Amino acid sequence: MANASGRPLSADDTQSRERLLCAARGQFSKRGYAATTTRDIARVAGINPAMIRYYFNNKAGLFQAVLHETIQPMLSLMHSAPMQSEQPDMLALVQQYHRMMAPYPELPRMIFRALHNPASAEYQMVNDTFNSVIRSAVEHLLAQMAKGAAQASAAQRQALVISALALAVFPFLIPDVVRQILQFSATPDELAAIANCAAPLFACAVSNTAGGQHA
């Protein structure tokens, strides 16, 4: 790992960088990109604001690092997971997304808002990062389905992929009024319960499409 100029980081540097990333992830999630300042982030991290320039060049560089390092576990899973199962394990990506977003449940909302507001300062950064992630996720799911549900129609494969993406993302985007009624906070236990509840439904759906059945 290196700083903004490409120099390798010492152990102390790495720790300081991680503290800035953690603070930035929390501040960006709660306040949004435009309302968050580098001084806010440095204050929460307990680090001199000048270190943001040292590690990331500027706020935009820090924001991009937050996005990249938050989704890196998802990318690693997609690139390393062997597709040896007879049926596609669609819940693996859903559960990985839940795990990486659970500590910062407001971050998906911030990302969602940015992706639907091309005039925002962060739109291009979020769009560039998540376009590649979403494309990789969809291609990964389709590749798994081509192996495990080869007889499924294009419409069935499309429906399963959209269902998996919705299961991953929607728990973080539930309107506040629904959250209040359900007393739902997107905690790790609640997210795990959603995935566990959906598991047999996905297994049944994949089994049906694998057999070429139609609704």
N, C-alpha and C. Protein backbone atom coordinates (compact mmCIF):
# COMPACT_ATOMS: atom_id res chain seq x y z
N MET A 1 0.85 -1.19 0.00
CA MET A 1 0.00 0.00 0.00
C MET A 1 0.89 1.24 0.00
N ALA A 2 0.46 2.29 -0.73
CA ALA A 2 1.29 3.48 -0.87
C ALA A 2 0.47 4.73 -0.60
N ASN A 3 1.19 5.87 -0.42
CA ASN A 3 0.49 7.13 -0.25
C ASN A 3 0.18 7.72 -1.61
N ALA A 4 -0.30 9.00 -1.62
CA ALA A 4 -0.73 9.60 -2.88
C ALA A 4 0.41 9.76 -3.87
N SER A 5 1.65 9.84 -3.38
CA SER A 5 2.79 10.02 -4.27
C SER A 5 3.42 8.68 -4.67
N GLY A 6 2.86 7.59 -4.16
CA GLY A 6 3.36 6.27 -4.53
C GLY A 6 4.37 5.68 -3.58
N ARG A 7 4.67 6.37 -2.49
CA ARG A 7 5.64 5.84 -1.53
C ARG A 7 4.99 4.78 -0.65
N PRO A 8 5.71 3.70 -0.36
CA PRO A 8 5.16 2.66 0.52
C PRO A 8 4.85 3.22 1.90
N LEU A 9 3.82 2.69 2.55
CA LEU A 9 3.42 3.16 3.86
C LEU A 9 4.02 2.28 4.95
N SER A 10 4.41 2.94 6.06
CA SER A 10 4.86 2.21 7.23
C SER A 10 3.64 1.69 7.97
N ALA A 11 3.87 0.91 9.02
CA ALA A 11 2.76 0.38 9.82
C ALA A 11 1.94 1.51 10.43
N ASP A 12 2.63 2.54 10.95
CA ASP A 12 1.92 3.69 11.53
C ASP A 12 1.13 4.43 10.47
N ASP A 13 1.72 4.58 9.28
CA ASP A 13 1.02 5.24 8.18
C ASP A 13 -0.24 4.47 7.81
N THR A 14 -0.11 3.17 7.75
CA THR A 14 -1.25 2.34 7.37
C THR A 14 -2.38 2.50 8.38
N GLN A 15 -2.03 2.54 9.65
CA GLN A 15 -3.05 2.70 10.69
C GLN A 15 -3.74 4.06 10.57
N SER A 16 -2.95 5.12 10.33
CA SER A 16 -3.53 6.45 10.18
C SER A 16 -4.43 6.51 8.95
N ARG A 17 -3.99 5.90 7.87
CA ARG A 17 -4.80 5.88 6.65
C ARG A 17 -6.13 5.18 6.88
N GLU A 18 -6.10 4.06 7.60
CA GLU A 18 -7.32 3.32 7.88
C GLU A 18 -8.26 4.13 8.76
N ARG A 19 -7.70 4.89 9.71
CA ARG A 19 -8.54 5.73 10.57
C ARG A 19 -9.23 6.81 9.74
N LEU A 20 -8.52 7.37 8.78
CA LEU A 20 -9.13 8.38 7.91
C LEU A 20 -10.21 7.76 7.03
N LEU A 21 -9.95 6.59 6.50
CA LEU A 21 -10.95 5.91 5.68
C LEU A 21 -12.21 5.60 6.48
N CYS A 22 -12.02 5.11 7.70
CA CYS A 22 -13.16 4.77 8.55
C CYS A 22 -13.98 6.02 8.88
N ALA A 23 -13.29 7.10 9.24
CA ALA A 23 -13.98 8.35 9.56
C ALA A 23 -14.69 8.90 8.33
N ALA A 24 -14.03 8.86 7.19
CA ALA A 24 -14.62 9.37 5.95
C ALA A 24 -15.84 8.57 5.55
N ARG A 25 -15.77 7.26 5.69
CA ARG A 25 -16.91 6.42 5.33
C ARG A 25 -18.13 6.78 6.18
N GLY A 26 -17.91 7.00 7.47
CA GLY A 26 -19.00 7.38 8.34
C GLY A 26 -19.55 8.76 8.03
N GLN A 27 -18.67 9.74 7.79
CA GLN A 27 -19.11 11.11 7.52
C GLN A 27 -19.82 11.21 6.17
N PHE A 28 -19.25 10.60 5.14
CA PHE A 28 -19.90 10.63 3.83
C PHE A 28 -21.27 9.95 3.88
N SER A 29 -21.37 8.87 4.65
CA SER A 29 -22.63 8.14 4.75
C SER A 29 -23.71 8.99 5.41
N LYS A 30 -23.34 9.67 6.48
CA LYS A 30 -24.32 10.44 7.26
C LYS A 30 -24.64 11.79 6.64
N ARG A 31 -23.61 12.46 6.08
CA ARG A 31 -23.78 13.85 5.67
C ARG A 31 -23.77 14.05 4.17
N GLY A 32 -23.34 13.05 3.42
CA GLY A 32 -23.21 13.22 1.98
C GLY A 32 -21.86 13.81 1.63
N TYR A 33 -21.53 13.73 0.35
CA TYR A 33 -20.21 14.20 -0.09
C TYR A 33 -20.06 15.71 0.03
N ALA A 34 -21.02 16.45 -0.50
CA ALA A 34 -20.89 17.91 -0.55
C ALA A 34 -20.82 18.54 0.83
N ALA A 35 -21.57 18.00 1.79
CA ALA A 35 -21.63 18.61 3.13
C ALA A 35 -20.49 18.19 4.03
N THR A 36 -19.69 17.25 3.60
CA THR A 36 -18.57 16.76 4.41
C THR A 36 -17.28 17.47 4.01
N THR A 37 -16.54 17.97 5.00
CA THR A 37 -15.26 18.63 4.73
C THR A 37 -14.11 17.74 5.20
N THR A 38 -12.94 18.01 4.67
CA THR A 38 -11.77 17.24 5.10
C THR A 38 -11.47 17.49 6.58
N ARG A 39 -11.80 18.69 7.06
CA ARG A 39 -11.60 18.98 8.49
C ARG A 39 -12.53 18.15 9.36
N ASP A 40 -13.76 17.96 8.88
CA ASP A 40 -14.70 17.09 9.61
C ASP A 40 -14.11 15.69 9.75
N ILE A 41 -13.62 15.18 8.65
CA ILE A 41 -13.09 13.81 8.63
C ILE A 41 -11.87 13.69 9.52
N ALA A 42 -10.96 14.65 9.40
CA ALA A 42 -9.74 14.61 10.20
C ALA A 42 -10.06 14.72 11.69
N ARG A 43 -11.05 15.56 12.02
CA ARG A 43 -11.43 15.71 13.43
C ARG A 43 -11.96 14.40 13.99
N VAL A 44 -12.84 13.73 13.26
CA VAL A 44 -13.39 12.45 13.72
C VAL A 44 -12.29 11.40 13.84
N ALA A 45 -11.36 11.42 12.89
CA ALA A 45 -10.26 10.44 12.90
C ALA A 45 -9.19 10.77 13.93
N GLY A 46 -9.18 12.05 14.40
CA GLY A 46 -8.15 12.47 15.34
C GLY A 46 -6.79 12.60 14.68
N ILE A 47 -6.79 13.06 13.42
CA ILE A 47 -5.56 13.15 12.64
C ILE A 47 -5.48 14.53 11.99
N ASN A 48 -4.27 15.03 11.82
CA ASN A 48 -4.06 16.33 11.17
C ASN A 48 -4.67 16.32 9.77
N PRO A 49 -5.46 17.36 9.41
CA PRO A 49 -6.07 17.39 8.07
C PRO A 49 -5.06 17.31 6.93
N ALA A 50 -3.83 17.75 7.17
CA ALA A 50 -2.81 17.70 6.12
C ALA A 50 -2.52 16.27 5.69
N MET A 51 -2.82 15.31 6.55
CA MET A 51 -2.53 13.92 6.20
C MET A 51 -3.47 13.41 5.12
N ILE A 52 -4.60 14.06 4.95
CA ILE A 52 -5.50 13.65 3.86
C ILE A 52 -4.82 13.91 2.53
N ARG A 53 -4.15 15.04 2.40
CA ARG A 53 -3.42 15.32 1.17
C ARG A 53 -2.28 14.31 0.98
N TYR A 54 -1.61 13.97 2.07
CA TYR A 54 -0.49 13.03 2.01
C TYR A 54 -0.93 11.66 1.49
N TYR A 55 -2.08 11.18 1.99
CA TYR A 55 -2.53 9.84 1.63
C TYR A 55 -3.40 9.80 0.37
N PHE A 56 -4.22 10.86 0.16
CA PHE A 56 -5.26 10.78 -0.87
C PHE A 56 -5.29 11.95 -1.85
N ASN A 57 -4.43 12.93 -1.69
CA ASN A 57 -4.38 14.15 -2.51
C ASN A 57 -5.43 15.18 -2.08
N ASN A 58 -6.70 14.76 -2.01
CA ASN A 58 -7.77 15.71 -1.69
C ASN A 58 -9.03 14.94 -1.28
N LYS A 59 -10.13 15.66 -1.06
CA LYS A 59 -11.37 15.00 -0.64
C LYS A 59 -11.87 14.03 -1.69
N ALA A 60 -11.76 14.40 -2.96
CA ALA A 60 -12.23 13.50 -4.01
C ALA A 60 -11.43 12.19 -4.00
N GLY A 61 -10.13 12.29 -3.81
CA GLY A 61 -9.30 11.09 -3.74
C GLY A 61 -9.67 10.21 -2.56
N LEU A 62 -9.98 10.85 -1.44
CA LEU A 62 -10.39 10.10 -0.26
C LEU A 62 -11.74 9.42 -0.50
N PHE A 63 -12.65 10.13 -1.13
CA PHE A 63 -13.97 9.57 -1.43
C PHE A 63 -13.84 8.36 -2.36
N GLN A 64 -13.01 8.48 -3.37
CA GLN A 64 -12.81 7.36 -4.29
C GLN A 64 -12.19 6.16 -3.58
N ALA A 65 -11.26 6.44 -2.64
CA ALA A 65 -10.66 5.35 -1.88
C ALA A 65 -11.70 4.66 -1.00
N VAL A 66 -12.61 5.44 -0.42
CA VAL A 66 -13.69 4.86 0.39
C VAL A 66 -14.54 3.93 -0.46
N LEU A 67 -14.94 4.39 -1.63
CA LEU A 67 -15.77 3.56 -2.50
C LEU A 67 -15.04 2.28 -2.89
N HIS A 68 -13.80 2.44 -3.34
CA HIS A 68 -13.04 1.29 -3.84
C HIS A 68 -12.81 0.27 -2.74
N GLU A 69 -12.39 0.72 -1.56
CA GLU A 69 -12.03 -0.23 -0.51
C GLU A 69 -13.25 -0.82 0.19
N THR A 70 -14.39 -0.13 0.07
CA THR A 70 -15.62 -0.70 0.62
C THR A 70 -16.10 -1.86 -0.24
N ILE A 71 -15.98 -1.72 -1.55
CA ILE A 71 -16.50 -2.76 -2.45
C ILE A 71 -15.45 -3.81 -2.82
N GLN A 72 -14.21 -3.63 -2.38
CA GLN A 72 -13.16 -4.57 -2.75
C GLN A 72 -13.48 -6.01 -2.36
N PRO A 73 -14.06 -6.25 -1.16
CA PRO A 73 -14.40 -7.64 -0.82
C PRO A 73 -15.37 -8.28 -1.82
N MET A 74 -16.29 -7.47 -2.34
CA MET A 74 -17.23 -7.98 -3.34
C MET A 74 -16.49 -8.35 -4.62
N LEU A 75 -15.60 -7.47 -5.05
CA LEU A 75 -14.83 -7.75 -6.26
C LEU A 75 -13.97 -8.99 -6.09
N SER A 76 -13.35 -9.12 -4.91
CA SER A 76 -12.51 -10.28 -4.65
C SER A 76 -13.32 -11.57 -4.70
N LEU A 77 -14.53 -11.51 -4.14
CA LEU A 77 -15.38 -12.71 -4.15
C LEU A 77 -15.74 -13.10 -5.58
N MET A 78 -16.10 -12.11 -6.39
CA MET A 78 -16.50 -12.41 -7.77
C MET A 78 -15.35 -12.95 -8.59
N HIS A 79 -14.15 -12.45 -8.33
CA HIS A 79 -13.00 -12.85 -9.13
C HIS A 79 -12.38 -14.16 -8.66
N SER A 80 -12.63 -14.53 -7.41
CA SER A 80 -11.96 -15.72 -6.88
C SER A 80 -12.88 -16.90 -6.69
N ALA A 81 -14.20 -16.66 -6.58
CA ALA A 81 -15.12 -17.77 -6.29
C ALA A 81 -15.18 -18.75 -7.46
N PRO A 82 -14.81 -19.99 -7.22
CA PRO A 82 -14.92 -20.99 -8.29
C PRO A 82 -16.37 -21.33 -8.56
N MET A 83 -16.73 -21.42 -9.82
CA MET A 83 -18.11 -21.73 -10.19
C MET A 83 -18.21 -23.23 -10.45
N GLN A 84 -18.13 -24.02 -9.36
CA GLN A 84 -18.13 -25.46 -9.49
C GLN A 84 -19.46 -26.09 -9.08
N SER A 85 -20.33 -25.28 -8.50
CA SER A 85 -21.62 -25.80 -8.04
C SER A 85 -22.49 -26.17 -9.23
N GLU A 86 -23.32 -27.20 -9.04
CA GLU A 86 -24.24 -27.56 -10.10
C GLU A 86 -25.32 -26.51 -10.28
N GLN A 87 -25.59 -25.74 -9.22
CA GLN A 87 -26.57 -24.66 -9.31
C GLN A 87 -25.92 -23.38 -8.79
N PRO A 88 -26.31 -22.24 -9.35
CA PRO A 88 -25.67 -20.99 -8.96
C PRO A 88 -26.01 -20.58 -7.53
N ASP A 89 -25.01 -20.22 -6.75
CA ASP A 89 -25.21 -19.74 -5.40
C ASP A 89 -25.40 -18.23 -5.45
N MET A 90 -26.61 -17.82 -5.73
CA MET A 90 -26.88 -16.40 -5.93
C MET A 90 -26.84 -15.63 -4.62
N LEU A 91 -27.00 -16.34 -3.50
CA LEU A 91 -27.02 -15.64 -2.22
C LEU A 91 -25.62 -15.25 -1.74
N ALA A 92 -24.58 -15.85 -2.32
CA ALA A 92 -23.23 -15.53 -1.86
C ALA A 92 -22.91 -14.05 -2.06
N LEU A 93 -23.24 -13.53 -3.24
CA LEU A 93 -22.99 -12.11 -3.50
C LEU A 93 -23.90 -11.22 -2.66
N VAL A 94 -25.14 -11.66 -2.48
CA VAL A 94 -26.07 -10.89 -1.64
C VAL A 94 -25.54 -10.78 -0.22
N GLN A 95 -25.11 -11.90 0.33
CA GLN A 95 -24.60 -11.90 1.70
C GLN A 95 -23.31 -11.09 1.83
N GLN A 96 -22.45 -11.15 0.80
CA GLN A 96 -21.22 -10.36 0.84
C GLN A 96 -21.54 -8.87 0.81
N TYR A 97 -22.51 -8.47 -0.01
CA TYR A 97 -22.91 -7.06 -0.07
C TYR A 97 -23.48 -6.62 1.28
N HIS A 98 -24.30 -7.46 1.90
CA HIS A 98 -24.84 -7.14 3.22
C HIS A 98 -23.73 -6.96 4.24
N ARG A 99 -22.74 -7.86 4.20
CA ARG A 99 -21.66 -7.78 5.18
C ARG A 99 -20.84 -6.50 5.01
N MET A 100 -20.58 -6.11 3.77
CA MET A 100 -19.70 -4.95 3.57
C MET A 100 -20.44 -3.64 3.81
N MET A 101 -21.77 -3.63 3.71
CA MET A 101 -22.51 -2.40 3.93
C MET A 101 -23.12 -2.29 5.32
N ALA A 102 -23.25 -3.39 6.04
CA ALA A 102 -23.90 -3.38 7.35
C ALA A 102 -23.29 -2.38 8.33
N PRO A 103 -21.95 -2.22 8.38
CA PRO A 103 -21.40 -1.25 9.33
C PRO A 103 -21.75 0.20 8.99
N TYR A 104 -22.14 0.46 7.73
CA TYR A 104 -22.46 1.81 7.28
C TYR A 104 -23.76 1.77 6.47
N PRO A 105 -24.89 1.50 7.14
CA PRO A 105 -26.14 1.29 6.40
C PRO A 105 -26.64 2.50 5.63
N GLU A 106 -26.11 3.70 5.94
CA GLU A 106 -26.53 4.89 5.19
C GLU A 106 -25.74 5.06 3.90
N LEU A 107 -24.61 4.35 3.77
CA LEU A 107 -23.78 4.51 2.58
C LEU A 107 -24.51 4.10 1.30
N PRO A 108 -25.24 2.98 1.26
CA PRO A 108 -25.98 2.67 0.02
C PRO A 108 -26.99 3.74 -0.36
N ARG A 109 -27.59 4.40 0.63
CA ARG A 109 -28.53 5.48 0.32
C ARG A 109 -27.80 6.65 -0.33
N MET A 110 -26.64 6.99 0.22
CA MET A 110 -25.86 8.07 -0.36
C MET A 110 -25.46 7.74 -1.79
N ILE A 111 -25.05 6.50 -2.03
CA ILE A 111 -24.67 6.06 -3.37
C ILE A 111 -25.88 6.12 -4.30
N PHE A 112 -27.02 5.66 -3.82
CA PHE A 112 -28.25 5.67 -4.61
C PHE A 112 -28.63 7.10 -5.00
N ARG A 113 -28.56 8.02 -4.04
CA ARG A 113 -28.88 9.41 -4.33
C ARG A 113 -27.93 9.99 -5.37
N ALA A 114 -26.65 9.68 -5.22
CA ALA A 114 -25.65 10.22 -6.15
C ALA A 114 -25.88 9.69 -7.57
N LEU A 115 -26.19 8.40 -7.68
CA LEU A 115 -26.39 7.80 -9.00
C LEU A 115 -27.63 8.36 -9.71
N HIS A 116 -28.55 8.93 -8.95
CA HIS A 116 -29.76 9.49 -9.53
C HIS A 116 -29.73 11.02 -9.55
N ASN A 117 -28.55 11.58 -9.37
CA ASN A 117 -28.40 13.04 -9.41
C ASN A 117 -27.13 13.40 -10.18
N PRO A 118 -27.20 13.40 -11.52
CA PRO A 118 -26.02 13.68 -12.33
C PRO A 118 -25.40 15.05 -12.07
N ALA A 119 -26.15 15.95 -11.45
CA ALA A 119 -25.61 17.28 -11.18
C ALA A 119 -24.76 17.32 -9.91
N SER A 120 -24.78 16.25 -9.13
CA SER A 120 -24.04 16.25 -7.87
C SER A 120 -22.53 16.14 -8.12
N ALA A 121 -21.77 16.65 -7.15
CA ALA A 121 -20.31 16.65 -7.28
C ALA A 121 -19.74 15.24 -7.32
N GLU A 122 -20.41 14.31 -6.66
CA GLU A 122 -19.87 12.96 -6.54
C GLU A 122 -20.40 12.00 -7.60
N TYR A 123 -21.31 12.47 -8.46
CA TYR A 123 -21.98 11.57 -9.41
C TYR A 123 -20.98 10.76 -10.24
N GLN A 124 -20.03 11.44 -10.89
CA GLN A 124 -19.14 10.75 -11.80
C GLN A 124 -18.28 9.71 -11.09
N MET A 125 -17.81 10.05 -9.87
CA MET A 125 -16.98 9.11 -9.12
C MET A 125 -17.78 7.87 -8.75
N VAL A 126 -18.99 8.07 -8.25
CA VAL A 126 -19.83 6.94 -7.86
C VAL A 126 -20.23 6.14 -9.10
N ASN A 127 -20.61 6.83 -10.15
CA ASN A 127 -21.04 6.16 -11.37
C ASN A 127 -19.94 5.28 -11.96
N ASP A 128 -18.73 5.84 -12.04
CA ASP A 128 -17.61 5.08 -12.60
C ASP A 128 -17.32 3.84 -11.78
N THR A 129 -17.32 4.00 -10.44
CA THR A 129 -16.99 2.88 -9.56
C THR A 129 -18.06 1.80 -9.59
N PHE A 130 -19.30 2.19 -9.44
CA PHE A 130 -20.36 1.21 -9.29
C PHE A 130 -20.83 0.63 -10.62
N ASN A 131 -20.61 1.34 -11.70
CA ASN A 131 -20.92 0.73 -13.00
C ASN A 131 -20.09 -0.53 -13.20
N SER A 132 -18.80 -0.44 -12.84
CA SER A 132 -17.93 -1.61 -13.02
C SER A 132 -18.33 -2.73 -12.08
N VAL A 133 -18.72 -2.37 -10.84
CA VAL A 133 -19.11 -3.39 -9.87
C VAL A 133 -20.40 -4.08 -10.29
N ILE A 134 -21.38 -3.27 -10.67
CA ILE A 134 -22.68 -3.83 -11.07
C ILE A 134 -22.52 -4.70 -12.32
N ARG A 135 -21.72 -4.22 -13.29
CA ARG A 135 -21.48 -5.01 -14.49
C ARG A 135 -20.84 -6.36 -14.13
N SER A 136 -19.84 -6.32 -13.24
CA SER A 136 -19.17 -7.55 -12.84
C SER A 136 -20.12 -8.49 -12.12
N ALA A 137 -20.98 -7.92 -11.24
CA ALA A 137 -21.92 -8.75 -10.49
C ALA A 137 -22.92 -9.42 -11.42
N VAL A 138 -23.46 -8.66 -12.37
CA VAL A 138 -24.44 -9.21 -13.30
C VAL A 138 -23.80 -10.28 -14.17
N GLU A 139 -22.60 -10.00 -14.68
CA GLU A 139 -21.92 -10.98 -15.53
C GLU A 139 -21.58 -12.25 -14.75
N HIS A 140 -21.20 -12.08 -13.47
CA HIS A 140 -20.88 -13.22 -12.63
C HIS A 140 -22.12 -14.08 -12.41
N LEU A 141 -23.24 -13.43 -12.09
CA LEU A 141 -24.48 -14.17 -11.86
C LEU A 141 -24.93 -14.89 -13.14
N LEU A 142 -24.85 -14.21 -14.27
CA LEU A 142 -25.26 -14.83 -15.53
C LEU A 142 -24.37 -16.02 -15.88
N ALA A 143 -23.06 -15.88 -15.59
CA ALA A 143 -22.15 -16.99 -15.86
C ALA A 143 -22.47 -18.19 -14.99
N GLN A 144 -22.81 -17.93 -13.70
CA GLN A 144 -23.19 -19.03 -12.83
C GLN A 144 -24.46 -19.70 -13.33
N MET A 145 -25.40 -18.89 -13.78
CA MET A 145 -26.67 -19.44 -14.23
C MET A 145 -26.51 -20.22 -15.53
N ALA A 146 -25.60 -19.77 -16.37
CA ALA A 146 -25.35 -20.50 -17.62
C ALA A 146 -24.85 -21.92 -17.33
N LYS A 147 -24.17 -22.07 -16.17
CA LYS A 147 -23.67 -23.38 -15.78
C LYS A 147 -24.72 -24.20 -15.03
N GLY A 148 -25.42 -23.52 -14.08
CA GLY A 148 -26.32 -24.25 -13.20
C GLY A 148 -27.77 -24.25 -13.63
N ALA A 149 -28.12 -23.33 -14.54
CA ALA A 149 -29.52 -23.27 -15.00
C ALA A 149 -29.53 -23.04 -16.51
N ALA A 150 -28.83 -23.92 -17.20
CA ALA A 150 -28.60 -23.72 -18.64
C ALA A 150 -29.89 -23.74 -19.45
N GLN A 151 -30.91 -24.43 -18.92
CA GLN A 151 -32.16 -24.53 -19.69
C GLN A 151 -33.11 -23.36 -19.45
N ALA A 152 -32.73 -22.46 -18.55
CA ALA A 152 -33.60 -21.33 -18.25
C ALA A 152 -33.69 -20.40 -19.45
N SER A 153 -34.85 -19.79 -19.61
CA SER A 153 -35.01 -18.81 -20.68
C SER A 153 -34.31 -17.51 -20.30
N ALA A 154 -34.11 -16.64 -21.28
CA ALA A 154 -33.48 -15.34 -21.01
C ALA A 154 -34.30 -14.55 -20.01
N ALA A 155 -35.63 -14.62 -20.11
CA ALA A 155 -36.50 -13.89 -19.18
C ALA A 155 -36.36 -14.43 -17.76
N GLN A 156 -36.22 -15.75 -17.61
CA GLN A 156 -36.07 -16.34 -16.29
C GLN A 156 -34.73 -15.94 -15.67
N ARG A 157 -33.67 -15.96 -16.47
CA ARG A 157 -32.37 -15.56 -15.95
C ARG A 157 -32.39 -14.09 -15.55
N GLN A 158 -33.01 -13.28 -16.38
CA GLN A 158 -33.11 -11.85 -16.07
C GLN A 158 -33.85 -11.63 -14.75
N ALA A 159 -34.95 -12.36 -14.56
CA ALA A 159 -35.75 -12.20 -13.35
C ALA A 159 -34.97 -12.60 -12.11
N LEU A 160 -34.19 -13.68 -12.20
CA LEU A 160 -33.41 -14.14 -11.05
C LEU A 160 -32.30 -13.15 -10.70
N VAL A 161 -31.63 -12.62 -11.71
CA VAL A 161 -30.55 -11.66 -11.45
C VAL A 161 -31.12 -10.39 -10.81
N ILE A 162 -32.23 -9.89 -11.35
CA ILE A 162 -32.84 -8.69 -10.79
C ILE A 162 -33.31 -8.95 -9.35
N SER A 163 -33.83 -10.13 -9.09
CA SER A 163 -34.26 -10.49 -7.74
C SER A 163 -33.08 -10.50 -6.77
N ALA A 164 -31.94 -11.03 -7.22
CA ALA A 164 -30.76 -11.07 -6.36
C ALA A 164 -30.25 -9.66 -6.07
N LEU A 165 -30.22 -8.82 -7.09
CA LEU A 165 -29.77 -7.44 -6.89
C LEU A 165 -30.72 -6.69 -5.96
N ALA A 166 -32.02 -6.90 -6.13
CA ALA A 166 -32.99 -6.24 -5.27
C ALA A 166 -32.84 -6.70 -3.82
N LEU A 167 -32.62 -8.00 -3.63
CA LEU A 167 -32.45 -8.53 -2.28
C LEU A 167 -31.21 -7.94 -1.62
N ALA A 168 -30.16 -7.70 -2.40
CA ALA A 168 -28.94 -7.13 -1.86
C ALA A 168 -29.10 -5.67 -1.47
N VAL A 169 -29.74 -4.90 -2.35
CA VAL A 169 -29.73 -3.45 -2.20
C VAL A 169 -30.92 -2.90 -1.42
N PHE A 170 -32.11 -3.44 -1.66
CA PHE A 170 -33.32 -2.79 -1.13
C PHE A 170 -33.37 -2.69 0.40
N PRO A 171 -32.86 -3.65 1.17
CA PRO A 171 -32.93 -3.49 2.62
C PRO A 171 -32.31 -2.19 3.13
N PHE A 172 -31.36 -1.65 2.38
CA PHE A 172 -30.72 -0.40 2.80
C PHE A 172 -31.49 0.83 2.30
N LEU A 173 -32.41 0.63 1.36
CA LEU A 173 -33.12 1.75 0.75
C LEU A 173 -34.57 1.85 1.20
N ILE A 174 -34.98 0.99 2.12
CA ILE A 174 -36.36 0.99 2.59
C ILE A 174 -36.73 2.38 3.12
N PRO A 175 -37.87 2.92 2.71
CA PRO A 175 -38.29 4.24 3.20
C PRO A 175 -38.37 4.28 4.73
N ASP A 176 -38.10 5.44 5.30
CA ASP A 176 -38.07 5.57 6.75
C ASP A 176 -39.38 5.15 7.41
N VAL A 177 -40.51 5.47 6.76
CA VAL A 177 -41.79 5.12 7.37
C VAL A 177 -41.94 3.61 7.49
N VAL A 178 -41.43 2.86 6.51
CA VAL A 178 -41.48 1.40 6.58
C VAL A 178 -40.51 0.89 7.64
N ARG A 179 -39.36 1.50 7.71
CA ARG A 179 -38.40 1.12 8.76
C ARG A 179 -39.01 1.27 10.14
N GLN A 180 -39.70 2.38 10.34
CA GLN A 180 -40.30 2.64 11.64
C GLN A 180 -41.40 1.64 11.96
N ILE A 181 -42.24 1.34 10.98
CA ILE A 181 -43.32 0.39 11.20
C ILE A 181 -42.76 -0.99 11.55
N LEU A 182 -41.73 -1.40 10.80
CA LEU A 182 -41.15 -2.73 10.99
C LEU A 182 -40.08 -2.76 12.07
N GLN A 183 -39.70 -1.57 12.56
CA GLN A 183 -38.60 -1.45 13.52
C GLN A 183 -37.34 -2.13 12.97
N PHE A 184 -37.05 -1.77 11.74
CA PHE A 184 -35.94 -2.37 10.99
C PHE A 184 -34.79 -1.37 10.88
N SER A 185 -33.58 -1.82 11.21
CA SER A 185 -32.41 -0.92 11.19
C SER A 185 -31.27 -1.42 10.31
N ALA A 186 -31.48 -2.49 9.58
CA ALA A 186 -30.44 -3.08 8.73
C ALA A 186 -29.22 -3.49 9.54
N THR A 187 -29.47 -4.10 10.71
CA THR A 187 -28.36 -4.64 11.51
C THR A 187 -27.86 -5.93 10.85
N PRO A 188 -26.65 -6.36 11.19
CA PRO A 188 -26.15 -7.62 10.62
C PRO A 188 -27.10 -8.80 10.86
N ASP A 189 -27.70 -8.88 12.05
CA ASP A 189 -28.62 -9.98 12.33
C ASP A 189 -29.87 -9.90 11.45
N GLU A 190 -30.40 -8.69 11.26
CA GLU A 190 -31.59 -8.52 10.42
C GLU A 190 -31.29 -8.87 8.97
N LEU A 191 -30.13 -8.45 8.49
CA LEU A 191 -29.75 -8.75 7.11
C LEU A 191 -29.54 -10.25 6.92
N ALA A 192 -28.93 -10.90 7.92
CA ALA A 192 -28.73 -12.35 7.84
C ALA A 192 -30.08 -13.07 7.80
N ALA A 193 -31.05 -12.56 8.57
CA ALA A 193 -32.38 -13.17 8.59
C ALA A 193 -33.05 -13.05 7.22
N ILE A 194 -32.87 -11.91 6.55
CA ILE A 194 -33.44 -11.73 5.21
C ILE A 194 -32.84 -12.74 4.24
N ALA A 195 -31.51 -12.88 4.26
CA ALA A 195 -30.84 -13.82 3.36
C ALA A 195 -31.26 -15.25 3.65
N ASN A 196 -31.37 -15.60 4.94
CA ASN A 196 -31.77 -16.97 5.30
C ASN A 196 -33.20 -17.25 4.86
N CYS A 197 -34.06 -16.24 4.99
CA CYS A 197 -35.45 -16.41 4.59
C CYS A 197 -35.55 -16.58 3.07
N ALA A 198 -34.69 -15.87 2.34
CA ALA A 198 -34.75 -15.92 0.88
C ALA A 198 -34.09 -17.17 0.30
N ALA A 199 -33.23 -17.81 1.07
CA ALA A 199 -32.45 -18.94 0.55
C ALA A 199 -33.32 -20.02 -0.08
N PRO A 200 -34.36 -20.53 0.61
CA PRO A 200 -35.16 -21.59 -0.03
C PRO A 200 -35.93 -21.10 -1.24
N LEU A 201 -36.32 -19.82 -1.24
CA LEU A 201 -37.02 -19.27 -2.40
C LEU A 201 -36.12 -19.26 -3.61
N PHE A 202 -34.86 -18.84 -3.41
CA PHE A 202 -33.91 -18.82 -4.52
C PHE A 202 -33.59 -20.24 -4.98
N ALA A 203 -33.45 -21.14 -4.03
CA ALA A 203 -33.14 -22.53 -4.40
C ALA A 203 -34.26 -23.11 -5.25
N CYS A 204 -35.50 -22.82 -4.87
CA CYS A 204 -36.65 -23.31 -5.63
C CYS A 204 -36.69 -22.67 -7.01
N ALA A 205 -36.45 -21.35 -7.07
CA ALA A 205 -36.50 -20.64 -8.35
C ALA A 205 -35.42 -21.15 -9.29
N VAL A 206 -34.21 -21.34 -8.75
CA VAL A 206 -33.11 -21.82 -9.60
C VAL A 206 -33.40 -23.24 -10.07
N SER A 207 -33.94 -24.05 -9.17
CA SER A 207 -34.27 -25.43 -9.55
C SER A 207 -35.31 -25.46 -10.66
N ASN A 208 -36.31 -24.59 -10.56
CA ASN A 208 -37.35 -24.53 -11.59
C ASN A 208 -36.79 -24.09 -12.93
N THR A 209 -35.95 -23.05 -12.90
CA THR A 209 -35.39 -22.56 -14.16
C THR A 209 -34.40 -23.56 -14.74
N ALA A 210 -33.67 -24.26 -13.87
CA ALA A 210 -32.73 -25.26 -14.36
C ALA A 210 -33.45 -26.38 -15.09
N GLY A 211 -34.70 -26.62 -14.64
CA GLY A 211 -35.47 -27.66 -15.29
C GLY A 211 -36.29 -27.16 -16.45
N GLY A 212 -36.17 -25.85 -16.74
CA GLY A 212 -36.85 -25.29 -17.87
C GLY A 212 -38.33 -25.06 -17.65
N GLN A 213 -38.75 -24.98 -16.35
CA GLN A 213 -40.16 -24.78 -16.07
C GLN A 213 -40.51 -23.32 -16.21
N HIS A 214 -41.73 -23.02 -16.57
CA HIS A 214 -42.20 -21.67 -16.73
C HIS A 214 -43.39 -21.44 -15.83
N ALA A 215 -43.50 -20.20 -15.35
CA ALA A 215 -44.62 -19.85 -14.50
C ALA A 215 -45.88 -19.79 -15.35
